[in-house]
PDB file of N, CA and C in Angstrom:
ATOM      1  N   MET A   1     -51.063  63.819 111.715  1.00  0.00           N
ATOM      2  CA  MET A   1     -50.788  63.480 113.093  1.00  0.00           C
ATOM      3  C   MET A   1     -50.119  62.115 113.181  1.00  0.00           C
ATOM      4  N   GLN A   2     -50.606  61.164 112.407  1.00  0.00           N
ATOM      5  CA  GLN A   2     -50.047  59.809 112.412  1.00  0.00           C
ATOM      6  C   GLN A   2     -48.608  59.814 111.883  1.00  0.00           C
ATOM      7  N   VAL A   3     -48.319  60.665 110.891  1.00  0.00           N
ATOM      8  CA  VAL A   3     -46.979  60.736 110.309  1.00  0.00           C
ATOM      9  C   VAL A   3     -45.984  61.243 111.344  1.00  0.00           C
ATOM     10  N   VAL A   4     -46.370  62.223 112.126  1.00  0.00           N
ATOM     11  CA  VAL A   4     -45.494  62.770 113.164  1.00  0.00           C
ATOM     12  C   VAL A   4     -45.189  61.708 114.205  1.00  0.00           C
ATOM     13  N   HIS A   5     -46.179  60.922 114.586  1.00  0.00           N
ATOM     14  CA  HIS A   5     -45.993  59.859 115.571  1.00  0.00           C
ATOM     15  C   HIS A   5     -45.022  58.796 115.055  1.00  0.00           C
ATOM     16  N   VAL A   6     -45.161  58.410 113.805  1.00  0.00           N
ATOM     17  CA  VAL A   6     -44.271  57.408 113.200  1.00  0.00           C
ATOM     18  C   VAL A   6     -42.859  57.962 113.110  1.00  0.00           C
ATOM     19  N   LEU A   7     -42.728  59.232 112.770  1.00  0.00           N
ATOM     20  CA  LEU A   7     -41.419  59.857 112.664  1.00  0.00           C
ATOM     21  C   LEU A   7     -40.722  59.871 114.025  1.00  0.00           C
ATOM     22  N   ARG A   8     -41.440  60.156 115.077  1.00  0.00           N
ATOM     23  CA  ARG A   8     -40.848  60.165 116.419  1.00  0.00           C
ATOM     24  C   ARG A   8     -40.410  58.762 116.827  1.00  0.00           C
ATOM     25  N   ASP A   9     -41.179  57.752 116.471  1.00  0.00           N
ATOM     26  CA  ASP A   9     -40.792  56.374 116.777  1.00  0.00           C
ATOM     27  C   ASP A   9     -39.496  56.003 116.061  1.00  0.00           C
ATOM     28  N   GLU A  10     -39.372  56.411 114.809  1.00  0.00           N
ATOM     29  CA  GLU A  10     -38.150  56.122 114.053  1.00  0.00           C
ATOM     30  C   GLU A  10     -36.953  56.839 114.662  1.00  0.00           C
ATOM     31  N   GLU A  11     -37.157  58.086 115.081  1.00  0.00           N
ATOM     32  CA  GLU A  11     -36.072  58.832 115.716  1.00  0.00           C
ATOM     33  C   GLU A  11     -35.659  58.186 117.029  1.00  0.00           C
ATOM     34  N   LEU A  12     -36.620  57.704 117.784  1.00  0.00           N
ATOM     35  CA  LEU A  12     -36.323  57.031 119.041  1.00  0.00           C
ATOM     36  C   LEU A  12     -35.551  55.740 118.809  1.00  0.00           C
ATOM     37  N   LYS A  13     -35.972  54.966 117.825  1.00  0.00           N
ATOM     38  CA  LYS A  13     -35.259  53.718 117.505  1.00  0.00           C
ATOM     39  C   LYS A  13     -33.827  54.009 117.063  1.00  0.00           C
ATOM     40  N   MET A  14     -33.642  55.058 116.253  1.00  0.00           N
ATOM     41  CA  MET A  14     -32.304  55.404 115.779  1.00  0.00           C
ATOM     42  C   MET A  14     -31.426  55.888 116.926  1.00  0.00           C
ATOM     43  N   SER A  15     -31.977  56.675 117.831  1.00  0.00           N
ATOM     44  CA  SER A  15     -31.170  57.163 118.951  1.00  0.00           C
ATOM     45  C   SER A  15     -30.811  56.026 119.909  1.00  0.00           C
ATOM     46  N   LEU A  16     -31.716  55.059 120.086  1.00  0.00           N
ATOM     47  CA  LEU A  16     -31.385  53.897 120.900  1.00  0.00           C
ATOM     48  C   LEU A  16     -30.283  53.069 120.254  1.00  0.00           C
ATOM     49  N   ARG A  17     -30.333  52.938 118.944  1.00  0.00           N
ATOM     50  CA  ARG A  17     -29.298  52.189 118.218  1.00  0.00           C
ATOM     51  C   ARG A  17     -27.945  52.871 118.364  1.00  0.00           C
ATOM     52  N   VAL A  18     -27.917  54.191 118.218  1.00  0.00           N
ATOM     53  CA  VAL A  18     -26.661  54.938 118.353  1.00  0.00           C
ATOM     54  C   VAL A  18     -26.127  54.827 119.776  1.00  0.00           C
ATOM     55  N   ALA A  19     -26.997  54.949 120.761  1.00  0.00           N
ATOM     56  CA  ALA A  19     -26.566  54.843 122.155  1.00  0.00           C
ATOM     57  C   ALA A  19     -26.015  53.447 122.447  1.00  0.00           C
ATOM     58  N   ALA A  20     -26.655  52.422 121.930  1.00  0.00           N
ATOM     59  CA  ALA A  20     -26.176  51.055 122.154  1.00  0.00           C
ATOM     60  C   ALA A  20     -24.814  50.840 121.510  1.00  0.00           C
ATOM     61  N   ILE A  21     -24.618  51.373 120.321  1.00  0.00           N
ATOM     62  CA  ILE A  21     -23.329  51.234 119.643  1.00  0.00           C
ATOM     63  C   ILE A  21     -22.234  51.969 120.418  1.00  0.00           C
ATOM     64  N   VAL A  22     -22.529  53.168 120.897  1.00  0.00           N
ATOM     65  CA  VAL A  22     -21.537  53.938 121.657  1.00  0.00           C
ATOM     66  C   VAL A  22     -21.154  53.207 122.939  1.00  0.00           C
ATOM     67  N   ILE A  23     -22.130  52.663 123.634  1.00  0.00           N
ATOM     68  CA  ILE A  23     -21.843  51.919 124.870  1.00  0.00           C
ATOM     69  C   ILE A  23     -20.997  50.689 124.572  1.00  0.00           C
ATOM     70  N   GLU A  24     -21.317  49.967 123.516  1.00  0.00           N
ATOM     71  CA  GLU A  24     -20.529  48.778 123.162  1.00  0.00           C
ATOM     72  C   GLU A  24     -19.113  49.145 122.750  1.00  0.00           C
ATOM     73  N   VAL A  25     -18.943  50.254 122.042  1.00  0.00           N
ATOM     74  CA  VAL A  25     -17.599  50.689 121.663  1.00  0.00           C
ATOM     75  C   VAL A  25     -16.789  51.060 122.911  1.00  0.00           C
ATOM     76  N   MET A  26     -17.414  51.703 123.870  1.00  0.00           N
ATOM     77  CA  MET A  26     -16.702  52.045 125.118  1.00  0.00           C
ATOM     78  C   MET A  26     -16.270  50.787 125.860  1.00  0.00           C
ATOM     79  N   ILE A  27     -17.132  49.790 125.925  1.00  0.00           N
ATOM     80  CA  ILE A  27     -16.787  48.533 126.593  1.00  0.00           C
ATOM     81  C   ILE A  27     -15.668  47.823 125.845  1.00  0.00           C
ATOM     82  N   LEU A  28     -15.761  47.770 124.516  1.00  0.00           N
ATOM     83  CA  LEU A  28     -14.708  47.136 123.725  1.00  0.00           C
ATOM     84  C   LEU A  28     -13.382  47.870 123.864  1.00  0.00           C
ATOM     85  N   THR A  29     -13.418  49.188 123.922  1.00  0.00           N
ATOM     86  CA  THR A  29     -12.198  49.965 124.100  1.00  0.00           C
ATOM     87  C   THR A  29     -11.531  49.629 125.428  1.00  0.00           C
ATOM     88  N   ALA A  30     -12.318  49.552 126.481  1.00  0.00           N
ATOM     89  CA  ALA A  30     -11.761  49.214 127.794  1.00  0.00           C
ATOM     90  C   ALA A  30     -11.172  47.800 127.791  1.00  0.00           C
ATOM     91  N   MET A  31     -11.845  46.864 127.141  1.00  0.00           N
ATOM     92  CA  MET A  31     -11.347  45.492 127.088  1.00  0.00           C
ATOM     93  C   MET A  31     -10.049  45.402 126.284  1.00  0.00           C
ATOM     94  N   ILE A  32      -9.996  46.058 125.144  1.00  0.00           N
ATOM     95  CA  ILE A  32      -8.794  46.033 124.319  1.00  0.00           C
ATOM     96  C   ILE A  32      -7.632  46.703 125.050  1.00  0.00           C
ATOM     97  N   TYR A  33      -7.901  47.828 125.693  1.00  0.00           N
ATOM     98  CA  TYR A  33      -6.858  48.533 126.443  1.00  0.00           C
ATOM     99  C   TYR A  33      -6.307  47.653 127.564  1.00  0.00           C
ATOM    100  N   SER A  34      -7.186  47.011 128.286  1.00  0.00           N
ATOM    101  CA  SER A  34      -6.749  46.138 129.376  1.00  0.00           C
ATOM    102  C   SER A  34      -5.949  44.954 128.855  1.00  0.00           C
ATOM    103  N   PHE A  35      -6.403  44.367 127.764  1.00  0.00           N
ATOM    104  CA  PHE A  35      -5.687  43.224 127.183  1.00  0.00           C
ATOM    105  C   PHE A  35      -4.277  43.616 126.750  1.00  0.00           C
ATOM    106  N   PHE A  36      -4.148  44.728 126.033  1.00  0.00           N
ATOM    107  CA  PHE A  36      -2.831  45.128 125.552  1.00  0.00           C
ATOM    108  C   PHE A  36      -1.933  45.630 126.677  1.00  0.00           C
ATOM    109  N   LEU A  37      -2.512  46.204 127.710  1.00  0.00           N
ATOM    110  CA  LEU A  37      -1.708  46.601 128.868  1.00  0.00           C
ATOM    111  C   LEU A  37      -1.141  45.361 129.558  1.00  0.00           C
ATOM    112  N   GLY A  38      -1.966  44.320 129.685  1.00  0.00           N
ATOM    113  CA  GLY A  38      -1.494  43.064 130.259  1.00  0.00           C
ATOM    114  C   GLY A  38      -0.445  42.404 129.379  1.00  0.00           C
ATOM    115  N   LEU A  39      -0.629  42.455 128.064  1.00  0.00           N
ATOM    116  CA  LEU A  39       0.353  41.898 127.140  1.00  0.00           C
ATOM    117  C   LEU A  39       1.680  42.638 127.242  1.00  0.00           C
ATOM    118  N   ARG A  40       1.615  43.949 127.338  1.00  0.00           N
ATOM    119  CA  ARG A  40       2.838  44.756 127.480  1.00  0.00           C
ATOM    120  C   ARG A  40       3.557  44.423 128.788  1.00  0.00           C
ATOM    121  N   LEU A  41       2.805  44.278 129.856  1.00  0.00           N
ATOM    122  CA  LEU A  41       3.400  43.927 131.145  1.00  0.00           C
ATOM    123  C   LEU A  41       4.022  42.538 131.099  1.00  0.00           C
ATOM    124  N   THR A  42       3.356  41.601 130.457  1.00  0.00           N
ATOM    125  CA  THR A  42       3.894  40.241 130.328  1.00  0.00           C
ATOM    126  C   THR A  42       5.196  40.237 129.533  1.00  0.00           C
ATOM    127  N   LEU A  43       5.211  40.956 128.419  1.00  0.00           N
ATOM    128  CA  LEU A  43       6.436  41.017 127.623  1.00  0.00           C
ATOM    129  C   LEU A  43       7.564  41.705 128.376  1.00  0.00           C
ATOM    130  N   SER A  44       7.240  42.702 129.176  1.00  0.00           N
ATOM    131  CA  SER A  44       8.260  43.377 129.985  1.00  0.00           C
ATOM    132  C   SER A  44       8.808  42.442 131.057  1.00  0.00           C
ATOM    133  N   ASP A  45       7.946  41.636 131.655  1.00  0.00           N
ATOM    134  CA  ASP A  45       8.381  40.691 132.688  1.00  0.00           C
ATOM    135  C   ASP A  45       9.229  39.562 132.118  1.00  0.00           C
ATOM    136  N   LEU A  46       9.045  39.256 130.856  1.00  0.00           N
ATOM    137  CA  LEU A  46       9.823  38.188 130.232  1.00  0.00           C
ATOM    138  C   LEU A  46      11.240  38.624 129.875  1.00  0.00           C
ATOM    139  N   GLY A  47      11.574  39.860 130.145  1.00  0.00           N
ATOM    140  CA  GLY A  47      12.939  40.320 129.933  1.00  0.00           C
ATOM    141  C   GLY A  47      13.132  41.199 128.716  1.00  0.00           C
ATOM    142  N   LEU A  48      12.083  41.840 128.261  1.00  0.00           N
ATOM    143  CA  LEU A  48      12.207  42.756 127.137  1.00  0.00           C
ATOM    144  C   LEU A  48      13.055  43.945 127.567  1.00  0.00           C
ATOM    145  N   GLN A  49      14.025  44.286 126.774  1.00  0.00           N
ATOM    146  CA  GLN A  49      14.933  45.376 127.136  1.00  0.00           C
ATOM    147  C   GLN A  49      14.206  46.719 127.084  1.00  0.00           C
ATOM    148  N   PRO A  50      14.591  47.638 127.955  1.00  0.00           N
ATOM    149  CA  PRO A  50      13.904  48.946 128.011  1.00  0.00           C
ATOM    150  C   PRO A  50      13.965  49.733 126.699  1.00  0.00           C
ATOM    151  N   LYS A  51      14.979  49.495 125.877  1.00  0.00           N
ATOM    152  CA  LYS A  51      15.067  50.256 124.627  1.00  0.00           C
ATOM    153  C   LYS A  51      13.955  49.879 123.637  1.00  0.00           C
ATOM    154  N   TYR A  52      13.310  48.738 123.846  1.00  0.00           N
ATOM    155  CA  TYR A  52      12.219  48.317 122.970  1.00  0.00           C
ATOM    156  C   TYR A  52      10.845  48.723 123.502  1.00  0.00           C
ATOM    157  N   GLU A  53      10.787  49.354 124.655  1.00  0.00           N
ATOM    158  CA  GLU A  53       9.503  49.759 125.246  1.00  0.00           C
ATOM    159  C   GLU A  53       8.720  50.705 124.328  1.00  0.00           C
ATOM    160  N   ARG A  54       9.419  51.665 123.743  1.00  0.00           N
ATOM    161  CA  ARG A  54       8.744  52.643 122.882  1.00  0.00           C
ATOM    162  C   ARG A  54       8.152  51.957 121.649  1.00  0.00           C
ATOM    163  N   PHE A  55       8.929  51.072 121.031  1.00  0.00           N
ATOM    164  CA  PHE A  55       8.430  50.337 119.864  1.00  0.00           C
ATOM    165  C   PHE A  55       7.236  49.459 120.237  1.00  0.00           C
ATOM    166  N   LEU A  56       7.330  48.785 121.378  1.00  0.00           N
ATOM    167  CA  LEU A  56       6.247  47.909 121.823  1.00  0.00           C
ATOM    168  C   LEU A  56       4.965  48.707 122.066  1.00  0.00           C
ATOM    169  N   LYS A  57       5.110  49.858 122.698  1.00  0.00           N
ATOM    170  CA  LYS A  57       3.942  50.707 122.956  1.00  0.00           C
ATOM    171  C   LYS A  57       3.317  51.183 121.644  1.00  0.00           C
ATOM    172  N   LEU A  58       4.155  51.593 120.705  1.00  0.00           N
ATOM    173  CA  LEU A  58       3.656  52.042 119.405  1.00  0.00           C
ATOM    174  C   LEU A  58       2.987  50.902 118.637  1.00  0.00           C
ATOM    175  N   ALA A  59       3.590  49.717 118.655  1.00  0.00           N
ATOM    176  CA  ALA A  59       3.024  48.572 117.933  1.00  0.00           C
ATOM    177  C   ALA A  59       1.687  48.148 118.539  1.00  0.00           C
ATOM    178  N   LEU A  60       1.602  48.086 119.861  1.00  0.00           N
ATOM    179  CA  LEU A  60       0.353  47.680 120.506  1.00  0.00           C
ATOM    180  C   LEU A  60      -0.737  48.731 120.326  1.00  0.00           C
ATOM    181  N   THR A  61      -0.366  49.996 120.353  1.00  0.00           N
ATOM    182  CA  THR A  61      -1.346  51.057 120.122  1.00  0.00           C
ATOM    183  C   THR A  61      -1.891  50.984 118.702  1.00  0.00           C
ATOM    184  N   THR A  62      -1.003  50.781 117.731  1.00  0.00           N
ATOM    185  CA  THR A  62      -1.438  50.671 116.337  1.00  0.00           C
ATOM    186  C   THR A  62      -2.357  49.467 116.143  1.00  0.00           C
ATOM    187  N   LEU A  63      -1.978  48.335 116.705  1.00  0.00           N
ATOM    188  CA  LEU A  63      -2.799  47.137 116.603  1.00  0.00           C
ATOM    189  C   LEU A  63      -4.160  47.345 117.279  1.00  0.00           C
ATOM    190  N   GLY A  64      -4.162  48.002 118.425  1.00  0.00           N
ATOM    191  CA  GLY A  64      -5.411  48.287 119.130  1.00  0.00           C
ATOM    192  C   GLY A  64      -6.337  49.193 118.329  1.00  0.00           C
ATOM    193  N   VAL A  65      -5.766  50.191 117.665  1.00  0.00           N
ATOM    194  CA  VAL A  65      -6.575  51.095 116.835  1.00  0.00           C
ATOM    195  C   VAL A  65      -7.183  50.335 115.659  1.00  0.00           C
ATOM    196  N   PHE A  66      -6.409  49.454 115.043  1.00  0.00           N
ATOM    197  CA  PHE A  66      -6.946  48.657 113.936  1.00  0.00           C
ATOM    198  C   PHE A  66      -8.077  47.737 114.399  1.00  0.00           C
ATOM    199  N   ILE A  67      -7.881  47.095 115.525  1.00  0.00           N
ATOM    200  CA  ILE A  67      -8.920  46.200 116.041  1.00  0.00           C
ATOM    201  C   ILE A  67     -10.169  46.985 116.415  1.00  0.00           C
ATOM    202  N   LEU A  68     -10.000  48.126 117.065  1.00  0.00           N
ATOM    203  CA  LEU A  68     -11.149  48.949 117.447  1.00  0.00           C
ATOM    204  C   LEU A  68     -11.881  49.471 116.211  1.00  0.00           C
ATOM    205  N   THR A  69     -11.157  49.848 115.170  1.00  0.00           N
ATOM    206  CA  THR A  69     -11.774  50.295 113.928  1.00  0.00           C
ATOM    207  C   THR A  69     -12.583  49.169 113.291  1.00  0.00           C
ATOM    208  N   PHE A  70     -12.042  47.954 113.340  1.00  0.00           N
ATOM    209  CA  PHE A  70     -12.753  46.788 112.824  1.00  0.00           C
ATOM    210  C   PHE A  70     -14.070  46.584 113.581  1.00  0.00           C
ATOM    211  N   PHE A  71     -14.020  46.642 114.919  1.00  0.00           N
ATOM    212  CA  PHE A  71     -15.235  46.462 115.714  1.00  0.00           C
ATOM    213  C   PHE A  71     -16.257  47.561 115.450  1.00  0.00           C
ATOM    214  N   ILE A  72     -15.804  48.791 115.337  1.00  0.00           N
ATOM    215  CA  ILE A  72     -16.720  49.905 115.081  1.00  0.00           C
ATOM    216  C   ILE A  72     -17.411  49.717 113.729  1.00  0.00           C
ATOM    217  N   ALA A  73     -16.641  49.343 112.713  1.00  0.00           N
ATOM    218  CA  ALA A  73     -17.222  49.136 111.382  1.00  0.00           C
ATOM    219  C   ALA A  73     -18.266  48.031 111.410  1.00  0.00           C
ATOM    220  N   HIS A  74     -17.986  46.946 112.099  1.00  0.00           N
ATOM    221  CA  HIS A  74     -18.943  45.846 112.146  1.00  0.00           C
ATOM    222  C   HIS A  74     -20.169  46.190 112.989  1.00  0.00           C
ATOM    223  N   LEU A  75     -19.983  46.949 114.052  1.00  0.00           N
ATOM    224  CA  LEU A  75     -21.147  47.350 114.842  1.00  0.00           C
ATOM    225  C   LEU A  75     -22.067  48.263 114.037  1.00  0.00           C
ATOM    226  N   ILE A  76     -21.484  49.176 113.289  1.00  0.00           N
ATOM    227  CA  ILE A  76     -22.309  50.096 112.509  1.00  0.00           C
ATOM    228  C   ILE A  76     -23.020  49.360 111.371  1.00  0.00           C
ATOM    229  N   LEU A  77     -22.317  48.444 110.716  1.00  0.00           N
ATOM    230  CA  LEU A  77     -22.905  47.773 109.566  1.00  0.00           C
ATOM    231  C   LEU A  77     -23.905  46.681 109.940  1.00  0.00           C
ATOM    232  N   PHE A  78     -23.628  45.933 110.979  1.00  0.00           N
ATOM    233  CA  PHE A  78     -24.419  44.742 111.269  1.00  0.00           C
ATOM    234  C   PHE A  78     -25.292  44.829 112.512  1.00  0.00           C
ATOM    235  N   TYR A  79     -25.321  45.980 113.177  1.00  0.00           N
ATOM    236  CA  TYR A  79     -26.163  46.119 114.352  1.00  0.00           C
ATOM    237  C   TYR A  79     -27.614  46.154 113.897  1.00  0.00           C
ATOM    238  N   PRO A  80     -28.511  45.505 114.635  1.00  0.00           N
ATOM    239  CA  PRO A  80     -29.920  45.482 114.200  1.00  0.00           C
ATOM    240  C   PRO A  80     -30.505  46.893 114.071  1.00  0.00           C
ATOM    241  N   GLU A  81     -31.415  47.041 113.151  1.00  0.00           N
ATOM    242  CA  GLU A  81     -32.052  48.335 112.923  1.00  0.00           C
ATOM    243  C   GLU A  81     -32.934  48.748 114.090  1.00  0.00           C
ATOM    244  N   PHE A  82     -33.463  47.807 114.796  1.00  0.00           N
ATOM    245  CA  PHE A  82     -34.326  48.125 115.931  1.00  0.00           C
ATOM    246  C   PHE A  82     -34.033  47.149 117.069  1.00  0.00           C
ATOM    247  N   ILE A  83     -34.333  47.595 118.255  1.00  0.00           N
ATOM    248  CA  ILE A  83     -34.153  46.760 119.431  1.00  0.00           C
ATOM    249  C   ILE A  83     -35.539  46.298 119.876  1.00  0.00           C
ATOM    250  N   PRO A  84     -35.804  44.985 119.849  1.00  0.00           N
ATOM    251  CA  PRO A  84     -37.171  44.512 120.194  1.00  0.00           C
ATOM    252  C   PRO A  84     -37.509  44.719 121.649  1.00  0.00           C
TER     253      PRO A  84
END
């Protein structure tokens, strides 16, 4: 009986950890998207020619994916095992 109770506590802690990581990734995704959208708008306002729009979008998307992958890796590796 005690083993089942301990197992449920571990499952609860793990599910809370996964939920916290997912929520943080969603927030980071929104922040990165907003930042790069603002950067793209700023570069367009500075006189970037329309023929470079496609390259700029591709470059910012690639950079955003790399940054998001970095954050996901660090959240998974360094997030605390339990939430006090």
